[in-house]
Amino acid sequence: MSFQAYLDTIHKKTGLTPAGLRRLADEQGWTEGGILKPSTKAGALVAWFKEHHELGHGHSMAIFALLKGVKKEGDA
């Protein structure tokens, strides 16, 4: 599955686009100005998305990768 496919599925399940995910991350305090805070741990973010949006581990990790800047929209 491509990274973009993960983002597409996340959008279908949550209604959140990458921009929306970034806004949510700022609201939750995981990022500041769109940059992932060093104190933000993948496990905490993954657990939150599993609980609040019923996403699986892989989709939640895709969000972490997006916020960390490791992956971006359109990546394979």
PDB file of N, CA and C in Angstrom:
ATOM      1  N   MET A   1       0.851  -1.176   0.000  1.00  0.00           N
ATOM      2  CA  MET A   1       0.000   0.000   0.000  1.00  0.00           C
ATOM      3  C   MET A   1       0.895   1.237   0.000  1.00  0.00           C
ATOM      4  N   SER A   2       0.580   2.187  -0.848  1.00  0.00           N
ATOM      5  CA  SER A   2       1.366   3.420  -0.903  1.00  0.00           C
ATOM      6  C   SER A   2       1.004   4.320   0.279  1.00  0.00           C
ATOM      7  N   PHE A   3       1.888   5.243   0.563  1.00  0.00           N
ATOM      8  CA  PHE A   3       1.629   6.189   1.650  1.00  0.00           C
ATOM      9  C   PHE A   3       0.375   7.008   1.337  1.00  0.00           C
ATOM     10  N   GLN A   4       0.225   7.402   0.081  1.00  0.00           N
ATOM     11  CA  GLN A   4      -0.956   8.173  -0.303  1.00  0.00           C
ATOM     12  C   GLN A   4      -2.232   7.366  -0.071  1.00  0.00           C
ATOM     13  N   ALA A   5      -2.181   6.064  -0.302  1.00  0.00           N
ATOM     14  CA  ALA A   5      -3.346   5.217  -0.048  1.00  0.00           C
ATOM     15  C   ALA A   5      -3.710   5.228   1.436  1.00  0.00           C
ATOM     16  N   TYR A   6      -2.698   5.223   2.309  1.00  0.00           N
ATOM     17  CA  TYR A   6      -2.962   5.351   3.743  1.00  0.00           C
ATOM     18  C   TYR A   6      -3.688   6.666   4.023  1.00  0.00           C
ATOM     19  N   LEU A   7      -3.187   7.759   3.461  1.00  0.00           N
ATOM     20  CA  LEU A   7      -3.814   9.066   3.691  1.00  0.00           C
ATOM     21  C   LEU A   7      -5.247   9.103   3.156  1.00  0.00           C
ATOM     22  N   ASP A   8      -5.463   8.479   2.006  1.00  0.00           N
ATOM     23  CA  ASP A   8      -6.814   8.435   1.433  1.00  0.00           C
ATOM     24  C   ASP A   8      -7.773   7.682   2.349  1.00  0.00           C
ATOM     25  N   THR A   9      -7.322   6.561   2.897  1.00  0.00           N
ATOM     26  CA  THR A   9      -8.164   5.780   3.805  1.00  0.00           C
ATOM     27  C   THR A   9      -8.426   6.546   5.093  1.00  0.00           C
ATOM     28  N   ILE A  10      -7.405   7.213   5.613  1.00  0.00           N
ATOM     29  CA  ILE A  10      -7.580   8.023   6.827  1.00  0.00           C
ATOM     30  C   ILE A  10      -8.626   9.105   6.574  1.00  0.00           C
ATOM     31  N   HIS A  11      -8.566   9.731   5.416  1.00  0.00           N
ATOM     32  CA  HIS A  11      -9.549  10.769   5.073  1.00  0.00           C
ATOM     33  C   HIS A  11     -10.960  10.187   5.013  1.00  0.00           C
ATOM     34  N   LYS A  12     -11.105   9.015   4.400  1.00  0.00           N
ATOM     35  CA  LYS A  12     -12.426   8.381   4.308  1.00  0.00           C
ATOM     36  C   LYS A  12     -12.972   8.028   5.684  1.00  0.00           C
ATOM     37  N   LYS A  13     -12.113   7.548   6.576  1.00  0.00           N
ATOM     38  CA  LYS A  13     -12.564   7.120   7.904  1.00  0.00           C
ATOM     39  C   LYS A  13     -12.801   8.281   8.864  1.00  0.00           C
ATOM     40  N   THR A  14     -11.990   9.336   8.749  1.00  0.00           N
ATOM     41  CA  THR A  14     -12.047  10.415   9.752  1.00  0.00           C
ATOM     42  C   THR A  14     -12.540  11.745   9.209  1.00  0.00           C
ATOM     43  N   GLY A  15     -12.478  11.897   7.884  1.00  0.00           N
ATOM     44  CA  GLY A  15     -12.812  13.188   7.290  1.00  0.00           C
ATOM     45  C   GLY A  15     -11.657  14.177   7.348  1.00  0.00           C
ATOM     46  N   LEU A  16     -10.504  13.724   7.858  1.00  0.00           N
ATOM     47  CA  LEU A  16      -9.352  14.614   8.022  1.00  0.00           C
ATOM     48  C   LEU A  16      -8.379  14.484   6.858  1.00  0.00           C
ATOM     49  N   THR A  17      -8.070  15.604   6.262  1.00  0.00           N
ATOM     50  CA  THR A  17      -7.042  15.679   5.229  1.00  0.00           C
ATOM     51  C   THR A  17      -5.694  15.845   5.926  1.00  0.00           C
ATOM     52  N   PRO A  18      -4.588  15.772   5.191  1.00  0.00           N
ATOM     53  CA  PRO A  18      -3.298  16.049   5.837  1.00  0.00           C
ATOM     54  C   PRO A  18      -3.269  17.408   6.536  1.00  0.00           C
ATOM     55  N   ALA A  19      -3.848  18.421   5.920  1.00  0.00           N
ATOM     56  CA  ALA A  19      -3.899  19.738   6.571  1.00  0.00           C
ATOM     57  C   ALA A  19      -4.725  19.665   7.853  1.00  0.00           C
ATOM     58  N   GLY A  20      -5.819  18.934   7.818  1.00  0.00           N
ATOM     59  CA  GLY A  20      -6.648  18.758   8.998  1.00  0.00           C
ATOM     60  C   GLY A  20      -5.932  17.992  10.095  1.00  0.00           C
ATOM     61  N   LEU A  21      -5.151  16.989   9.690  1.00  0.00           N
ATOM     62  CA  LEU A  21      -4.361  16.232  10.662  1.00  0.00           C
ATOM     63  C   LEU A  21      -3.327  17.129  11.327  1.00  0.00           C
ATOM     64  N   ARG A  22      -2.728  18.017  10.548  1.00  0.00           N
ATOM     65  CA  ARG A  22      -1.746  18.951  11.121  1.00  0.00           C
ATOM     66  C   ARG A  22      -2.404  19.919  12.102  1.00  0.00           C
ATOM     67  N   ARG A  23      -3.583  20.410  11.758  1.00  0.00           N
ATOM     68  CA  ARG A  23      -4.316  21.300  12.674  1.00  0.00           C
ATOM     69  C   ARG A  23      -4.664  20.562  13.967  1.00  0.00           C
ATOM     70  N   LEU A  24      -5.144  19.332  13.822  1.00  0.00           N
ATOM     71  CA  LEU A  24      -5.491  18.531  14.988  1.00  0.00           C
ATOM     72  C   LEU A  24      -4.263  18.294  15.855  1.00  0.00           C
ATOM     73  N   ALA A  25      -3.134  18.021  15.232  1.00  0.00           N
ATOM     74  CA  ALA A  25      -1.891  17.790  15.974  1.00  0.00           C
ATOM     75  C   ALA A  25      -1.488  19.026  16.765  1.00  0.00           C
ATOM     76  N   ASP A  26      -1.657  20.209  16.170  1.00  0.00           N
ATOM     77  CA  ASP A  26      -1.377  21.445  16.902  1.00  0.00           C
ATOM     78  C   ASP A  26      -2.328  21.583  18.093  1.00  0.00           C
ATOM     79  N   GLU A  27      -3.630  21.309  17.857  1.00  0.00           N
ATOM     80  CA  GLU A  27      -4.635  21.413  18.926  1.00  0.00           C
ATOM     81  C   GLU A  27      -4.343  20.446  20.067  1.00  0.00           C
ATOM     82  N   GLN A  28      -3.866  19.252  19.737  1.00  0.00           N
ATOM     83  CA  GLN A  28      -3.573  18.236  20.753  1.00  0.00           C
ATOM     84  C   GLN A  28      -2.239  18.474  21.448  1.00  0.00           C
ATOM     85  N   GLY A  29      -1.442  19.405  20.908  1.00  0.00           N
ATOM     86  CA  GLY A  29      -0.162  19.720  21.514  1.00  0.00           C
ATOM     87  C   GLY A  29       0.979  18.816  21.070  1.00  0.00           C
ATOM     88  N   TRP A  30       0.761  18.022  20.023  1.00  0.00           N
ATOM     89  CA  TRP A  30       1.815  17.137  19.504  1.00  0.00           C
ATOM     90  C   TRP A  30       2.810  17.887  18.642  1.00  0.00           C
ATOM     91  N   THR A  31       2.329  18.955  18.017  1.00  0.00           N
ATOM     92  CA  THR A  31       3.182  19.771  17.158  1.00  0.00           C
ATOM     93  C   THR A  31       3.062  21.218  17.590  1.00  0.00           C
ATOM     94  N   GLU A  32       4.008  22.000  17.140  1.00  0.00           N
ATOM     95  CA  GLU A  32       3.960  23.443  17.358  1.00  0.00           C
ATOM     96  C   GLU A  32       4.360  24.087  16.051  1.00  0.00           C
ATOM     97  N   GLY A  33       3.427  24.847  15.482  1.00  0.00           N
ATOM     98  CA  GLY A  33       3.691  25.462  14.185  1.00  0.00           C
ATOM     99  C   GLY A  33       3.937  24.433  13.093  1.00  0.00           C
ATOM    100  N   GLY A  34       3.290  23.281  13.224  1.00  0.00           N
ATOM    101  CA  GLY A  34       3.425  22.242  12.223  1.00  0.00           C
ATOM    102  C   GLY A  34       4.648  21.363  12.377  1.00  0.00           C
ATOM    103  N   ILE A  35       5.445  21.591  13.412  1.00  0.00           N
ATOM    104  CA  ILE A  35       6.651  20.804  13.648  1.00  0.00           C
ATOM    105  C   ILE A  35       6.429  19.903  14.857  1.00  0.00           C
ATOM    106  N   LEU A  36       6.689  18.612  14.665  1.00  0.00           N
ATOM    107  CA  LEU A  36       6.506  17.633  15.728  1.00  0.00           C
ATOM    108  C   LEU A  36       7.419  17.969  16.907  1.00  0.00           C
ATOM    109  N   LYS A  37       6.842  18.021  18.087  1.00  0.00           N
ATOM    110  CA  LYS A  37       7.622  18.292  19.290  1.00  0.00           C
ATOM    111  C   LYS A  37       8.459  17.063  19.647  1.00  0.00           C
ATOM    112  N   PRO A  38       9.672  17.267  20.139  1.00  0.00           N
ATOM    113  CA  PRO A  38      10.512  16.127  20.540  1.00  0.00           C
ATOM    114  C   PRO A  38       9.858  15.260  21.617  1.00  0.00           C
ATOM    115  N   SER A  39       8.990  15.850  22.402  1.00  0.00           N
ATOM    116  CA  SER A  39       8.327  15.108  23.475  1.00  0.00           C
ATOM    117  C   SER A  39       7.195  14.215  22.971  1.00  0.00           C
ATOM    118  N   THR A  40       6.779  14.387  21.708  1.00  0.00           N
ATOM    119  CA  THR A  40       5.697  13.586  21.150  1.00  0.00           C
ATOM    120  C   THR A  40       6.229  12.209  20.769  1.00  0.00           C
ATOM    121  N   LYS A  41       5.677  11.205  21.385  1.00  0.00           N
ATOM    122  CA  LYS A  41       6.084   9.826  21.135  1.00  0.00           C
ATOM    123  C   LYS A  41       5.069   9.143  20.228  1.00  0.00           C
ATOM    124  N   ALA A  42       5.566   8.318  19.350  1.00  0.00           N
ATOM    125  CA  ALA A  42       4.702   7.615  18.399  1.00  0.00           C
ATOM    126  C   ALA A  42       3.621   6.812  19.121  1.00  0.00           C
ATOM    127  N   GLY A  43       3.992   6.127  20.195  1.00  0.00           N
ATOM    128  CA  GLY A  43       3.039   5.283  20.909  1.00  0.00           C
ATOM    129  C   GLY A  43       1.826   6.040  21.424  1.00  0.00           C
ATOM    130  N   ALA A  44       2.055   7.226  21.950  1.00  0.00           N
ATOM    131  CA  ALA A  44       0.945   8.030  22.482  1.00  0.00           C
ATOM    132  C   ALA A  44       0.033   8.501  21.356  1.00  0.00           C
ATOM    133  N   LEU A  45       0.608   8.944  20.261  1.00  0.00           N
ATOM    134  CA  LEU A  45      -0.182   9.410  19.129  1.00  0.00           C
ATOM    135  C   LEU A  45      -0.975   8.250  18.531  1.00  0.00           C
ATOM    136  N   VAL A  46      -0.338   7.109  18.360  1.00  0.00           N
ATOM    137  CA  VAL A  46      -0.999   5.923  17.802  1.00  0.00           C
ATOM    138  C   VAL A  46      -2.168   5.508  18.695  1.00  0.00           C
ATOM    139  N   ALA A  47      -1.944   5.444  19.990  1.00  0.00           N
ATOM    140  CA  ALA A  47      -3.008   5.053  20.919  1.00  0.00           C
ATOM    141  C   ALA A  47      -4.189   6.012  20.839  1.00  0.00           C
ATOM    142  N   TRP A  48      -3.911   7.301  20.713  1.00  0.00           N
ATOM    143  CA  TRP A  48      -4.982   8.304  20.636  1.00  0.00           C
ATOM    144  C   TRP A  48      -5.826   8.103  19.385  1.00  0.00           C
ATOM    145  N   PHE A  49      -5.179   7.906  18.240  1.00  0.00           N
ATOM    146  CA  PHE A  49      -5.932   7.724  17.002  1.00  0.00           C
ATOM    147  C   PHE A  49      -6.694   6.400  16.985  1.00  0.00           C
ATOM    148  N   LYS A  50      -6.152   5.387  17.616  1.00  0.00           N
ATOM    149  CA  LYS A  50      -6.873   4.115  17.723  1.00  0.00           C
ATOM    150  C   LYS A  50      -8.140   4.305  18.546  1.00  0.00           C
ATOM    151  N   GLU A  51      -8.000   5.006  19.658  1.00  0.00           N
ATOM    152  CA  GLU A  51      -9.140   5.204  20.562  1.00  0.00           C
ATOM    153  C   GLU A  51     -10.171   6.179  20.015  1.00  0.00           C
ATOM    154  N   HIS A  52      -9.723   7.303  19.509  1.00  0.00           N
ATOM    155  CA  HIS A  52     -10.647   8.375  19.130  1.00  0.00           C
ATOM    156  C   HIS A  52     -11.144   8.306  17.688  1.00  0.00           C
ATOM    157  N   HIS A  53     -10.424   7.601  16.831  1.00  0.00           N
ATOM    158  CA  HIS A  53     -10.829   7.538  15.423  1.00  0.00           C
ATOM    159  C   HIS A  53     -10.891   6.116  14.879  1.00  0.00           C
ATOM    160  N   GLU A  54     -10.682   5.132  15.750  1.00  0.00           N
ATOM    161  CA  GLU A  54     -10.770   3.718  15.389  1.00  0.00           C
ATOM    162  C   GLU A  54      -9.873   3.361  14.199  1.00  0.00           C
ATOM    163  N   LEU A  55      -8.682   3.969  14.165  1.00  0.00           N
ATOM    164  CA  LEU A  55      -7.704   3.650  13.134  1.00  0.00           C
ATOM    165  C   LEU A  55      -6.809   2.521  13.625  1.00  0.00           C
ATOM    166  N   GLY A  56      -6.273   1.762  12.699  1.00  0.00           N
ATOM    167  CA  GLY A  56      -5.340   0.711  13.048  1.00  0.00           C
ATOM    168  C   GLY A  56      -3.946   1.263  13.286  1.00  0.00           C
ATOM    169  N   HIS A  57      -3.055   0.372  13.663  1.00  0.00           N
ATOM    170  CA  HIS A  57      -1.688   0.767  13.974  1.00  0.00           C
ATOM    171  C   HIS A  57      -0.984   1.370  12.755  1.00  0.00           C
ATOM    172  N   GLY A  58      -1.098   0.728  11.603  1.00  0.00           N
ATOM    173  CA  GLY A  58      -0.421   1.213  10.401  1.00  0.00           C
ATOM    174  C   GLY A  58      -0.890   2.588   9.970  1.00  0.00           C
ATOM    175  N   HIS A  59      -2.186   2.814  10.011  1.00  0.00           N
ATOM    176  CA  HIS A  59      -2.719   4.119   9.616  1.00  0.00           C
ATOM    177  C   HIS A  59      -2.304   5.196  10.616  1.00  0.00           C
ATOM    178  N   SER A  60      -2.295   4.848  11.891  1.00  0.00           N
ATOM    179  CA  SER A  60      -1.872   5.801  12.911  1.00  0.00           C
ATOM    180  C   SER A  60      -0.384   6.129  12.775  1.00  0.00           C
ATOM    181  N   MET A  61       0.422   5.123  12.446  1.00  0.00           N
ATOM    182  CA  MET A  61       1.853   5.365  12.229  1.00  0.00           C
ATOM    183  C   MET A  61       2.075   6.223  10.977  1.00  0.00           C
ATOM    184  N   ALA A  62       1.205   6.100   9.997  1.00  0.00           N
ATOM    185  CA  ALA A  62       1.298   6.945   8.806  1.00  0.00           C
ATOM    186  C   ALA A  62       1.091   8.409   9.189  1.00  0.00           C
ATOM    187  N   ILE A  63       0.177   8.665  10.103  1.00  0.00           N
ATOM    188  CA  ILE A  63      -0.041  10.032  10.578  1.00  0.00           C
ATOM    189  C   ILE A  63       1.219  10.536  11.283  1.00  0.00           C
ATOM    190  N   PHE A  64       1.820   9.692  12.113  1.00  0.00           N
ATOM    191  CA  PHE A  64       3.055  10.073  12.792  1.00  0.00           C
ATOM    192  C   PHE A  64       4.145  10.402  11.772  1.00  0.00           C
ATOM    193  N   ALA A  65       4.287   9.575  10.740  1.00  0.00           N
ATOM    194  CA  ALA A  65       5.296   9.815   9.699  1.00  0.00           C
ATOM    195  C   ALA A  65       5.027  11.133   8.973  1.00  0.00           C
ATOM    196  N   LEU A  66       3.754  11.434   8.722  1.00  0.00           N
ATOM    197  CA  LEU A  66       3.385  12.700   8.084  1.00  0.00           C
ATOM    198  C   LEU A  66       3.794  13.871   8.973  1.00  0.00           C
ATOM    199  N   LEU A  67       3.463  13.797  10.249  1.00  0.00           N
ATOM    200  CA  LEU A  67       3.755  14.889  11.171  1.00  0.00           C
ATOM    201  C   LEU A  67       5.247  15.042  11.418  1.00  0.00           C
ATOM    202  N   LYS A  68       5.965  13.928  11.378  1.00  0.00           N
ATOM    203  CA  LYS A  68       7.404  13.973  11.595  1.00  0.00           C
ATOM    204  C   LYS A  68       8.133  14.490  10.350  1.00  0.00           C
ATOM    205  N   GLY A  69       7.472  14.454   9.205  1.00  0.00           N
ATOM    206  CA  GLY A  69       8.086  14.924   7.974  1.00  0.00           C
ATOM    207  C   GLY A  69       8.848  13.847   7.224  1.00  0.00           C
ATOM    208  N   VAL A  70       8.725  12.615   7.687  1.00  0.00           N
ATOM    209  CA  VAL A  70       9.390  11.492   7.031  1.00  0.00           C
ATOM    210  C   VAL A  70       8.712  11.185   5.699  1.00  0.00           C
ATOM    211  N   LYS A  71       7.396  11.337   5.655  1.00  0.00           N
ATOM    212  CA  LYS A  71       6.595  11.108   4.447  1.00  0.00           C
ATOM    213  C   LYS A  71       5.750  12.343   4.182  1.00  0.00           C
ATOM    214  N   LYS A  72       5.322  12.461   2.927  1.00  0.00           N
ATOM    215  CA  LYS A  72       4.450  13.582   2.557  1.00  0.00           C
ATOM    216  C   LYS A  72       3.399  13.105   1.589  1.00  0.00           C
ATOM    217  N   GLU A  73       2.409  13.950   1.369  1.00  0.00           N
ATOM    218  CA  GLU A  73       1.339  13.615   0.436  1.00  0.00           C
ATOM    219  C   GLU A  73       1.939  13.217  -0.906  1.00  0.00           C
ATOM    220  N   GLY A  74       1.357  12.192  -1.514  1.00  0.00           N
ATOM    221  CA  GLY A  74       1.788  11.749  -2.827  1.00  0.00           C
ATOM    222  C   GLY A  74       2.922  10.741  -2.812  1.00  0.00           C
ATOM    223  N   ASP A  75       3.516  10.471  -1.643  1.00  0.00           N
ATOM    224  CA  ASP A  75       4.601   9.491  -1.575  1.00  0.00           C
ATOM    225  C   ASP A  75       4.067   8.095  -1.870  1.00  0.00           C
ATOM    226  N   ALA A  76       4.916   7.322  -2.484  1.00  0.00           N
ATOM    227  CA  ALA A  76       4.554   5.932  -2.815  1.00  0.00           C
ATOM    228  C   ALA A  76       4.643   5.068  -1.585  1.00  0.00           C
TER     229      ALA A  76
END
